[in-house]
Protein backbone atom coordinates (compact mmCIF):
# COMPACT_ATOMS: atom_id res chain seq x y z
CA MET A 1 -72.71 -24.64 23.54
CA LEU A 2 -70.79 -23.97 26.06
CA LEU A 3 -73.28 -24.07 28.52
CA SER A 4 -73.79 -27.73 27.98
CA GLU A 5 -69.59 -28.39 28.21
CA SER A 6 -69.35 -26.81 31.06
CA GLY A 7 -72.04 -28.63 32.95
CA GLU A 8 -70.83 -32.20 31.18
CA SER A 9 -67.89 -31.37 32.82
CA PHE A 10 -68.95 -30.48 36.39
CA SER A 11 -71.39 -33.85 35.56
CA LEU A 12 -67.98 -35.75 34.81
CA TRP A 13 -66.19 -34.04 37.73
CA GLU A 14 -69.46 -35.03 40.42
CA SER A 15 -69.41 -38.80 38.95
CA LEU A 16 -65.64 -38.70 39.88
CA GLN A 17 -66.01 -37.58 43.23
CA LYS A 18 -68.74 -39.71 43.82
CA LYS A 19 -66.30 -43.03 42.90
CA ALA A 20 -63.27 -40.87 45.18
CA GLU A 21 -65.87 -41.31 47.96
CA LYS A 22 -66.10 -45.20 48.07
CA LEU A 23 -61.69 -45.54 48.13
CA SER A 24 -60.04 -45.32 50.78
CA PRO A 25 -57.80 -42.97 51.54
CA ALA A 26 -54.92 -45.00 50.50
CA ASN A 27 -56.39 -45.89 47.38
CA LEU A 28 -56.81 -41.90 46.64
CA ILE A 29 -53.20 -41.35 46.92
CA LEU A 30 -52.20 -44.85 45.04
CA ILE A 31 -54.61 -44.29 42.16
CA GLY A 32 -54.18 -40.33 41.92
CA PHE A 33 -50.29 -40.72 41.11
CA ILE A 34 -51.40 -43.69 38.59
CA ILE A 35 -53.70 -41.45 36.69
CA VAL A 36 -50.82 -38.69 36.78
CA ILE A 37 -48.19 -40.92 35.60
CA LEU A 38 -50.42 -42.80 33.08
CA SER A 39 -51.62 -39.04 31.71
CA GLY A 40 -48.03 -38.19 31.38
CA THR A 41 -46.89 -41.11 29.56
CA LEU A 42 -49.57 -40.30 26.92
CA ILE A 43 -48.74 -36.62 26.90
CA LEU A 44 -44.95 -37.32 26.02
CA LEU A 45 -45.41 -40.05 23.09
CA LEU A 46 -47.02 -36.73 21.47
CA PRO A 47 -44.66 -36.10 18.35
CA PHE A 48 -43.50 -32.62 18.97
CA MET A 49 -42.75 -33.41 22.74
CA VAL A 50 -39.16 -34.81 21.58
CA ASN A 51 -36.47 -32.84 18.93
CA SER A 52 -36.79 -33.89 15.33
CA GLY A 53 -34.93 -37.29 14.50
CA ASN A 54 -35.90 -39.03 17.86
CA LYS A 55 -38.68 -41.51 18.41
CA LEU A 56 -39.78 -42.35 22.17
CA ARG A 57 -40.89 -45.64 22.69
CA PHE A 58 -43.97 -46.48 25.36
CA ILE A 59 -41.78 -48.31 28.08
CA ASP A 60 -39.39 -44.84 27.85
CA ALA A 61 -42.49 -42.69 28.05
CA LEU A 62 -43.89 -44.45 30.92
CA PHE A 63 -40.38 -44.62 32.67
CA THR A 64 -39.78 -40.91 32.28
CA ALA A 65 -43.24 -40.06 33.47
CA THR A 66 -43.02 -42.35 36.40
CA SER A 67 -39.53 -41.02 37.24
CA ALA A 68 -40.71 -37.38 37.10
CA THR A 69 -43.94 -37.83 38.80
CA CYS A 70 -42.14 -40.10 41.52
CA VAL A 71 -39.44 -36.99 41.52
CA THR A 72 -36.83 -39.66 40.88
CA GLY A 73 -34.45 -38.47 38.03
CA LEU A 74 -33.41 -41.62 36.58
CA ILE A 75 -33.73 -41.45 32.88
CA VAL A 76 -33.35 -43.42 30.01
CA VAL A 77 -33.19 -40.80 27.53
CA ASP A 78 -31.20 -37.43 28.03
CA THR A 79 -33.41 -34.71 29.00
CA ALA A 80 -31.52 -31.88 28.01
CA THR A 81 -31.37 -33.45 23.86
CA PHE A 82 -34.02 -35.88 23.34
CA PHE A 83 -37.09 -33.86 24.37
CA SER A 84 -38.24 -30.32 23.02
CA PHE A 85 -39.11 -27.80 24.93
CA TRP A 86 -42.53 -28.76 25.25
CA GLY A 87 -41.03 -32.25 26.44
CA GLN A 88 -39.25 -30.91 28.90
CA LEU A 89 -41.90 -28.39 30.26
CA VAL A 90 -44.27 -31.56 30.74
CA ILE A 91 -41.47 -33.13 32.28
CA LEU A 92 -41.51 -30.09 35.05
CA VAL A 93 -45.30 -30.38 35.56
CA LEU A 94 -45.11 -33.70 36.32
CA ILE A 95 -42.36 -33.11 38.77
CA GLN A 96 -44.20 -30.42 40.38
CA ILE A 97 -47.66 -32.30 40.60
CA GLY A 98 -44.99 -35.03 41.99
CA GLY A 99 -43.39 -33.08 44.58
CA LEU A 100 -46.44 -31.49 45.84
CA GLY A 101 -48.45 -34.77 45.84
CA TYR A 102 -51.80 -35.53 43.74
CA MET A 103 -53.80 -34.85 47.13
CA THR A 104 -52.64 -31.31 47.07
CA LEU A 105 -53.41 -31.13 43.34
CA ASN A 106 -57.19 -32.33 43.67
CA THR A 107 -57.70 -30.22 46.86
CA LEU A 108 -57.12 -26.97 44.85
CA LEU A 109 -58.78 -28.17 41.76
CA ALA A 110 -61.87 -29.06 44.49
CA LEU A 111 -61.40 -25.13 45.99
CA ALA A 112 -61.09 -23.82 42.20
CA LEU A 113 -63.97 -25.11 41.47
CA ARG A 114 -65.83 -24.43 45.12
CA ARG A 115 -66.29 -27.74 45.53
CA ARG A 116 -66.64 -29.32 49.35
CA ILE A 117 -63.75 -31.03 50.30
CA GLU A 118 -64.81 -34.33 51.37
CA TYR A 119 -63.75 -36.30 54.62
CA ARG A 120 -61.99 -39.46 52.53
CA THR A 121 -60.36 -36.92 50.73
CA ARG A 122 -58.94 -34.77 53.93
CA LEU A 123 -57.86 -38.36 55.20
CA ALA A 124 -55.94 -38.98 52.16
CA ILE A 125 -54.19 -35.63 52.74
CA ARG A 126 -53.28 -36.25 56.03
CA ASP A 127 -51.59 -39.95 54.96
CA SER A 128 -50.06 -37.68 51.96
CA PHE A 129 -47.96 -35.27 54.48
CA SER A 130 -47.88 -38.13 57.56
CA LEU A 131 -50.24 -35.37 59.56
CA ASP A 132 -52.10 -36.52 63.28
CA PHE A 133 -55.48 -35.40 62.09
CA PRO A 134 -57.28 -34.72 59.24
CA GLY A 135 -58.39 -31.28 60.82
CA GLY A 136 -57.36 -28.04 59.32
CA VAL A 137 -55.79 -29.82 56.12
CA VAL A 138 -57.46 -27.33 53.49
CA ARG A 139 -55.32 -24.56 55.66
CA PHE A 140 -52.03 -26.73 55.35
CA VAL A 141 -52.37 -27.41 51.40
CA LEU A 142 -52.66 -23.24 51.27
CA SER A 143 -49.78 -23.37 53.64
CA VAL A 144 -47.70 -26.16 51.20
CA LEU A 145 -48.73 -24.06 47.94
CA LYS A 146 -47.42 -20.90 49.90
CA TYR A 147 -44.17 -22.53 50.71
CA THR A 148 -43.55 -23.88 47.92
CA PHE A 149 -43.66 -21.38 45.45
CA LEU A 150 -42.16 -18.85 47.76
CA ILE A 151 -39.00 -21.05 48.14
CA GLU A 152 -39.05 -22.13 44.17
CA GLY A 153 -39.30 -18.43 43.55
CA ILE A 154 -36.34 -17.08 45.54
CA GLY A 155 -34.40 -20.49 44.01
CA PHE A 156 -35.33 -19.22 40.47
CA LEU A 157 -34.33 -15.63 41.09
CA ILE A 158 -30.82 -16.54 42.68
CA LEU A 159 -30.26 -19.06 39.47
CA PHE A 160 -31.45 -16.83 37.06
CA PHE A 161 -29.24 -13.95 37.78
CA ASN A 162 -26.07 -16.31 38.35
CA PHE A 163 -26.99 -17.92 34.84
CA LEU A 164 -26.37 -14.48 33.71
CA ARG A 165 -22.95 -15.34 34.00
CA TYR A 166 -23.04 -18.20 31.45
CA PHE A 167 -26.28 -17.32 29.01
CA THR A 168 -28.05 -14.74 27.68
CA PRO A 169 -31.04 -13.76 29.49
CA THR A 170 -33.01 -15.71 27.17
CA GLU A 171 -31.17 -19.01 27.85
CA ALA A 172 -30.93 -18.52 31.76
CA LEU A 173 -34.95 -18.27 31.95
CA PHE A 174 -35.91 -21.70 31.67
CA PRO A 175 -33.06 -23.85 33.22
CA ALA A 176 -33.41 -21.21 36.39
CA ILE A 177 -37.16 -22.29 36.51
CA PHE A 178 -36.59 -25.99 35.91
CA HIS A 179 -33.52 -26.75 38.17
CA SER A 180 -35.26 -24.79 41.12
CA ILE A 181 -38.54 -26.56 40.88
CA SER A 182 -36.74 -29.61 40.24
CA ALA A 183 -34.25 -29.41 43.15
CA PHE A 184 -36.86 -28.24 45.74
CA CYS A 185 -38.78 -31.69 44.65
CA ASN A 186 -35.82 -33.40 44.98
CA ALA A 187 -36.54 -34.44 41.84
CA GLY A 188 -33.01 -34.84 40.24
CA PHE A 189 -33.86 -34.10 36.80
CA SER A 190 -31.76 -31.43 34.52
CA ILE A 191 -32.08 -29.94 31.27
CA PHE A 192 -27.92 -29.73 31.41
CA GLY A 193 -26.53 -32.82 29.48
CA ASN A 194 -23.74 -33.43 32.59
CA SER A 195 -26.35 -32.53 35.35
CA LEU A 196 -24.54 -29.56 37.28
CA GLU A 197 -20.63 -31.09 36.53
CA SER A 198 -20.02 -27.69 34.86
CA PHE A 199 -21.10 -26.00 37.99
CA VAL A 200 -18.83 -28.27 40.62
CA LEU A 201 -16.70 -24.63 41.72
CA ASP A 202 -19.78 -22.38 41.37
CA PRO A 203 -20.55 -21.52 44.57
CA VAL A 204 -23.98 -19.67 44.08
CA VAL A 205 -25.52 -22.85 42.16
CA ASN A 206 -24.16 -25.63 44.61
CA PHE A 207 -25.72 -23.60 47.90
CA THR A 208 -28.64 -22.57 46.48
CA MET A 209 -29.20 -26.13 45.15
CA MET A 210 -28.29 -27.58 48.38
CA GLY A 211 -30.78 -25.26 50.17
CA LEU A 212 -33.92 -26.17 48.10
CA ILE A 213 -32.56 -29.73 48.18
CA ILE A 214 -32.45 -29.61 52.25
CA LEU A 215 -35.79 -27.37 52.59
CA GLY A 216 -37.62 -29.67 50.12
CA GLY A 217 -36.55 -32.85 51.98
CA LEU A 218 -37.27 -31.18 55.85
CA GLY A 219 -41.29 -31.91 55.08
CA PHE A 220 -43.77 -29.26 54.77
CA VAL A 221 -45.17 -30.25 58.40
CA VAL A 222 -41.25 -29.07 59.63
CA LEU A 223 -40.94 -26.48 57.34
CA ARG A 224 -44.34 -24.71 58.70
CA GLU A 225 -43.29 -25.01 62.16
CA ILE A 226 -40.12 -23.43 61.77
CA VAL A 227 -42.05 -20.70 59.90
CA GLU A 228 -44.98 -19.94 61.74
CA LYS A 229 -43.46 -21.07 65.28
CA ARG A 230 -40.13 -19.77 64.86
CA SER A 231 -39.28 -22.91 66.98
CA ILE A 232 -38.07 -26.64 66.53
CA SER A 233 -40.17 -27.35 69.44
CA SER A 234 -42.03 -30.63 68.56
CA LEU A 235 -40.53 -34.25 68.84
CA HIS A 236 -40.99 -34.87 65.00
CA SER A 237 -39.05 -31.59 64.15
CA ARG A 238 -36.55 -32.07 66.42
CA VAL A 239 -35.98 -35.78 65.06
CA VAL A 240 -35.78 -34.76 61.68
CA VAL A 241 -33.89 -31.23 62.20
CA ARG A 242 -30.87 -33.40 63.98
CA THR A 243 -31.03 -36.51 61.78
CA THR A 244 -30.65 -34.53 58.37
CA LEU A 245 -27.48 -32.84 59.96
CA PHE A 246 -25.88 -35.70 61.39
CA LEU A 247 -26.30 -37.36 58.02
CA ILE A 248 -24.90 -33.95 56.06
CA VAL A 249 -22.15 -33.99 58.49
CA VAL A 250 -20.94 -37.56 58.37
CA GLY A 251 -21.63 -37.87 54.54
CA THR A 252 -19.42 -34.73 54.17
CA VAL A 253 -16.50 -35.67 55.93
CA LEU A 254 -16.85 -39.46 54.70
CA ILE A 255 -17.05 -38.36 50.80
CA LEU A 256 -14.39 -36.12 51.29
CA LEU A 257 -11.62 -38.77 52.80
CA LEU A 258 -12.76 -41.22 50.75
CA GLU A 259 -12.76 -39.33 47.18
CA ARG A 260 -10.14 -36.71 47.80
CA ASN A 261 -7.18 -38.39 46.08
CA ASN A 262 -9.43 -40.18 43.26
CA PRO A 263 -8.59 -38.55 40.12
CA ALA A 264 -12.25 -39.48 38.51
CA THR A 265 -13.68 -37.07 41.21
CA LEU A 266 -12.24 -34.86 43.66
CA ALA A 267 -8.63 -34.97 43.07
CA ASP A 268 -8.15 -31.96 40.43
CA LEU A 269 -10.45 -29.56 42.44
CA PRO A 270 -8.58 -27.08 45.29
CA TRP A 271 -9.47 -28.00 48.75
CA GLY A 272 -12.68 -25.27 48.96
CA GLY A 273 -14.10 -27.16 45.57
CA LYS A 274 -13.02 -30.51 47.52
CA ILE A 275 -15.16 -29.60 50.64
CA MET A 276 -18.12 -28.38 48.77
CA ALA A 277 -18.35 -31.18 46.58
CA SER A 278 -18.14 -33.78 49.04
CA LEU A 279 -21.08 -31.28 51.22
CA PHE A 280 -23.02 -31.54 47.85
CA GLN A 281 -22.75 -35.63 47.36
CA ALA A 282 -23.55 -35.75 50.93
CA ILE A 283 -26.59 -34.00 50.66
CA THR A 284 -28.30 -34.79 46.96
CA PRO A 285 -28.58 -38.88 47.94
CA ARG A 286 -31.35 -38.00 50.10
CA THR A 287 -33.24 -38.09 47.42
CA ALA A 288 -32.12 -35.03 44.82
CA GLY A 289 -30.32 -37.14 42.49
CA PHE A 290 -28.16 -34.10 40.97
CA ASN A 291 -24.27 -34.58 40.67
CA THR A 292 -21.43 -32.34 40.47
CA ILE A 293 -19.19 -35.01 40.11
CA THR A 294 -19.73 -38.17 38.35
CA THR A 295 -21.31 -40.86 39.95
CA ALA A 296 -19.53 -43.70 37.85
CA GLY A 297 -16.31 -42.51 39.16
CA LEU A 298 -17.02 -42.38 42.88
CA ARG A 299 -14.78 -45.33 44.36
CA GLU A 300 -16.93 -48.28 45.80
CA ALA A 301 -16.84 -47.62 49.03
CA SER A 302 -18.03 -43.93 48.75
CA ALA A 303 -20.90 -45.54 46.36
CA PHE A 304 -21.82 -48.15 49.23
CA LEU A 305 -22.04 -45.19 51.51
CA ILE A 306 -24.08 -43.16 49.16
CA MET A 307 -26.71 -46.26 48.55
CA LEU A 308 -27.13 -45.94 52.77
CA PHE A 309 -27.97 -42.35 51.96
CA MET A 310 -30.23 -43.00 49.42
CA PHE A 311 -31.99 -45.79 51.11
CA VAL A 312 -32.66 -43.30 54.46
CA GLY A 313 -33.89 -40.59 51.90
CA ALA A 314 -36.01 -37.91 53.02
CA SER A 315 -38.39 -36.99 55.73
CA PRO A 316 -41.88 -37.57 56.07
CA GLY A 317 -44.59 -34.83 54.64
CA GLY A 318 -41.90 -33.64 52.07
CA THR A 319 -40.81 -34.40 48.63
CA GLY A 320 -38.55 -37.31 48.31
CA GLY A 321 -38.63 -40.94 49.28
CA GLY A 322 -36.73 -43.55 51.07
CA VAL A 323 -37.39 -44.93 53.94
CA LYS A 324 -37.27 -41.62 55.79
CA THR A 325 -35.23 -39.62 57.97
CA THR A 326 -37.50 -40.27 61.41
CA THR A 327 -37.35 -44.24 60.58
CA PHE A 328 -33.87 -43.97 60.80
CA ALA A 329 -33.43 -42.42 63.62
CA LEU A 330 -36.11 -44.84 65.02
CA LEU A 331 -33.84 -47.47 63.92
CA LEU A 332 -31.14 -46.23 65.64
CA ALA A 333 -32.62 -45.92 68.84
CA THR A 334 -34.31 -49.07 69.19
CA VAL A 335 -30.88 -50.59 68.88
CA VAL A 336 -29.27 -48.44 71.75
CA SER A 337 -32.19 -48.88 73.58
CA VAL A 338 -31.63 -52.38 73.55
CA VAL A 339 -28.02 -52.37 73.71
CA LYS A 340 -28.50 -50.23 77.04
CA GLY A 341 -31.00 -52.96 78.54
CA GLY A 342 -34.13 -50.81 78.21
CA GLU A 343 -37.68 -51.60 76.61
CA LYS A 344 -38.41 -48.32 76.03
CA VAL A 345 -37.44 -45.60 72.65
CA GLU A 346 -36.76 -42.32 74.00
CA PHE A 347 -36.18 -39.05 72.25
CA PHE A 348 -35.17 -35.93 74.09
CA HIS A 349 -36.94 -37.28 76.97
CA ARG A 350 -40.13 -38.30 75.40
CA ARG A 351 -41.15 -41.91 75.21
CA VAL A 352 -42.34 -42.77 71.37
CA ILE A 353 -45.37 -45.16 70.89
CA PRO A 354 -44.75 -48.68 70.65
CA THR A 355 -46.68 -48.94 67.53
CA ILE A 356 -44.75 -45.98 65.71
CA VAL A 357 -41.38 -48.17 66.61
CA SER A 358 -42.93 -51.42 65.03
CA ARG A 359 -44.22 -49.72 61.96
CA ALA A 360 -40.67 -47.98 61.77
CA ILE A 361 -39.05 -51.64 61.56
CA SER A 362 -41.52 -52.89 58.97
CA VAL A 363 -40.96 -50.18 56.86
CA VAL A 364 -37.23 -51.26 56.69
CA VAL A 365 -38.10 -54.96 56.68
CA LEU A 366 -40.52 -54.34 53.75
CA ALA A 367 -38.23 -51.93 52.14
CA PHE A 368 -34.90 -54.08 52.15
CA LEU A 369 -37.02 -56.82 50.72
CA LEU A 370 -38.14 -54.92 47.55
CA VAL A 371 -34.88 -53.60 46.85
CA PHE A 372 -33.55 -57.13 47.59
CA ILE A 373 -36.14 -59.15 45.10
CA VAL A 374 -35.68 -56.44 42.41
CA THR A 375 -31.88 -56.30 42.62
CA MET A 376 -32.07 -60.54 42.37
CA VAL A 377 -33.95 -60.14 39.27
CA LEU A 378 -31.85 -57.72 37.55
CA LEU A 379 -28.79 -59.57 38.44
CA VAL A 380 -30.27 -62.54 36.22
CA VAL A 381 -31.08 -60.28 33.29
CA GLU A 382 -28.51 -57.99 33.20
CA PRO A 383 -24.90 -58.05 32.54
CA ALA A 384 -24.65 -55.01 34.50
CA PRO A 385 -21.87 -55.70 38.11
CA LEU A 386 -23.57 -56.16 41.19
CA LEU A 387 -23.22 -52.45 42.75
CA ASP A 388 -23.65 -51.05 39.58
CA ILE A 389 -27.66 -52.99 39.56
CA CYS A 390 -27.62 -52.55 43.47
CA PHE A 391 -27.17 -48.79 43.48
CA GLU A 392 -29.97 -48.45 40.44
CA VAL A 393 -32.39 -50.18 42.50
CA VAL A 394 -31.89 -48.02 45.87
CA SER A 395 -32.01 -45.08 43.80
CA ALA A 396 -35.15 -45.74 42.15
CA PHE A 397 -36.57 -46.67 45.86
CA GLY A 398 -35.10 -43.62 47.24
CA THR A 399 -36.68 -41.65 44.59
CA VAL A 400 -33.01 -39.96 44.16
CA GLY A 401 -32.17 -40.34 40.45
CA LEU A 402 -28.39 -40.89 40.75
CA SER A 403 -26.79 -43.72 38.40
CA ARG A 404 -23.70 -45.03 37.53
CA GLY A 405 -24.55 -45.01 33.67
CA ILE A 406 -26.70 -48.17 33.50
CA THR A 407 -30.06 -46.77 33.08
CA ALA A 408 -30.12 -46.16 29.62
CA ASN A 409 -29.29 -49.74 28.23
CA LEU A 410 -31.63 -51.66 30.58
CA LEU A 411 -33.95 -54.28 28.93
CA ASP A 412 -37.87 -53.53 29.18
CA LEU A 413 -38.38 -55.93 31.85
CA SER A 414 -35.74 -54.02 34.50
CA LYS A 415 -37.31 -51.02 33.16
CA ILE A 416 -40.51 -52.27 34.63
CA LEU A 417 -39.39 -53.35 37.48
CA LEU A 418 -38.07 -50.22 38.51
CA ILE A 419 -40.83 -47.95 37.47
CA ILE A 420 -42.80 -50.43 39.87
CA THR A 421 -39.82 -49.69 42.66
CA MET A 422 -39.76 -45.95 42.00
CA TYR A 423 -43.81 -45.62 42.44
CA VAL A 424 -43.30 -47.67 45.78
CA GLY A 425 -40.74 -45.43 46.84
CA ARG A 426 -43.15 -42.38 46.33
CA VAL A 427 -46.52 -43.45 47.66
CA GLY A 428 -44.86 -45.13 50.11
CA ILE A 429 -44.53 -48.78 51.92
CA MET A 430 -47.20 -47.60 54.78
CA THR A 431 -49.16 -46.34 52.08
CA LEU A 432 -49.50 -49.93 50.12
CA VAL A 433 -49.92 -51.52 53.26
CA MET A 434 -52.82 -49.62 54.56
CA VAL A 435 -54.58 -50.60 50.98
CA ARG A 436 -55.67 -54.00 52.60
CA PRO A 437 -59.46 -54.39 53.66
CA SER A 438 -60.07 -53.23 57.29
CA GLN A 439 -60.12 -55.83 59.64
CA GLU A 440 -61.81 -55.80 63.35
CA LYS A 441 -59.53 -56.61 66.44
CA ASP A 442 -59.23 -59.89 67.18
CA LEU A 443 -61.29 -60.97 69.88
CA ILE A 444 -59.03 -63.60 71.17
CA THR A 445 -55.78 -63.01 72.93
CA TYR A 446 -53.34 -65.63 72.92
CA PRO A 447 -50.82 -66.68 75.89
CA GLU A 448 -47.61 -65.45 75.53
CA GLU A 449 -44.54 -67.26 75.05
CA ARG A 450 -40.40 -66.37 74.57
CA VAL A 451 -38.91 -66.95 71.11
CA LEU A 452 -34.94 -67.30 71.87
CA ILE A 453 -32.98 -64.51 69.64
């Protein structure tokens, strides 16, 4: 009987592998995330996933599973009180899968079953982590797993021993594991009812969470280069690190200036607390979604600034969403080049390939159109203010999870649109674009002509 079941499982695996071989790399990524989301939805609907007296609707289970798998953090029910330990554990597993990427899990399963990694799968892994070539992807995936569990393990130990100041060892264990994984995966889910607002003046929690968020958002390509080469030598890594530092510094200064006298956020904190909270709020919109001060209490100018950070997001090949730091940097470099009267985009004495620049502009335009359309629809059907709705949509696209308090009261139609937005934000605009059927290069070249700008 066991042999029969084992044979059937291998047969099923082979059948799935054959079907997967017919899919393009982009389709593998898109369908993989859908499978994980739907599986998570069905599991969360089991009765023992929620606390006694609670009942989870299908749309809310789908929203939660999507938010967890797409490492967003937007919630329609309170994770801390609504879900049981088992429900929180399922959410944590979805976060880990979503942070690593479906293709990483697929590769890990194939290696465990001693199956050969197909070329299409290698291409899909390459696209998932924004690699240049499909060669060496298996070694890269193993490196990803090693760095992920090592960093999350260190984060867990620091948080666990610090949480002993507030909880018993038993009570501190799961929150330390949960928040370490959630932070590194840039998910923003918390099993504390008010996120991290209770720890606004705790430097250990703040700097540990910020460190995990930054490391997860840099991207595995950059992490691998820093760890193995002990340098930041490639153009990609230099752009990522410098753009990340620039956004953090500018964000910290501006939030401190805007919120220092706001009684709803920073006014009552000592100056050390003001600076630390401003630093945290500059880092967390980069797709993490935790907060140490109330997001709904932010001034409109601060909320608008955070929306920009959420739209930019993390870096390619990392655990976050958004249009990515490199896209933002390329856009700024293109503007600088035009202002100077040049025609080439350059970084650190290196010329960027024109095709990459075109893709960066296309990503920003398509992302803006998605946010614009979803925001327009929500403005029609929801009574909430423009800023709150726009903030919610950008948070969903950037897979951030910050909210001004309207998520739980949204209509089902709005939730569906946000589910789609979170999904697109996680898999990436370019992945969706690459789904189109491959076309041969045009055999006809038309004459050039100018258009006035």
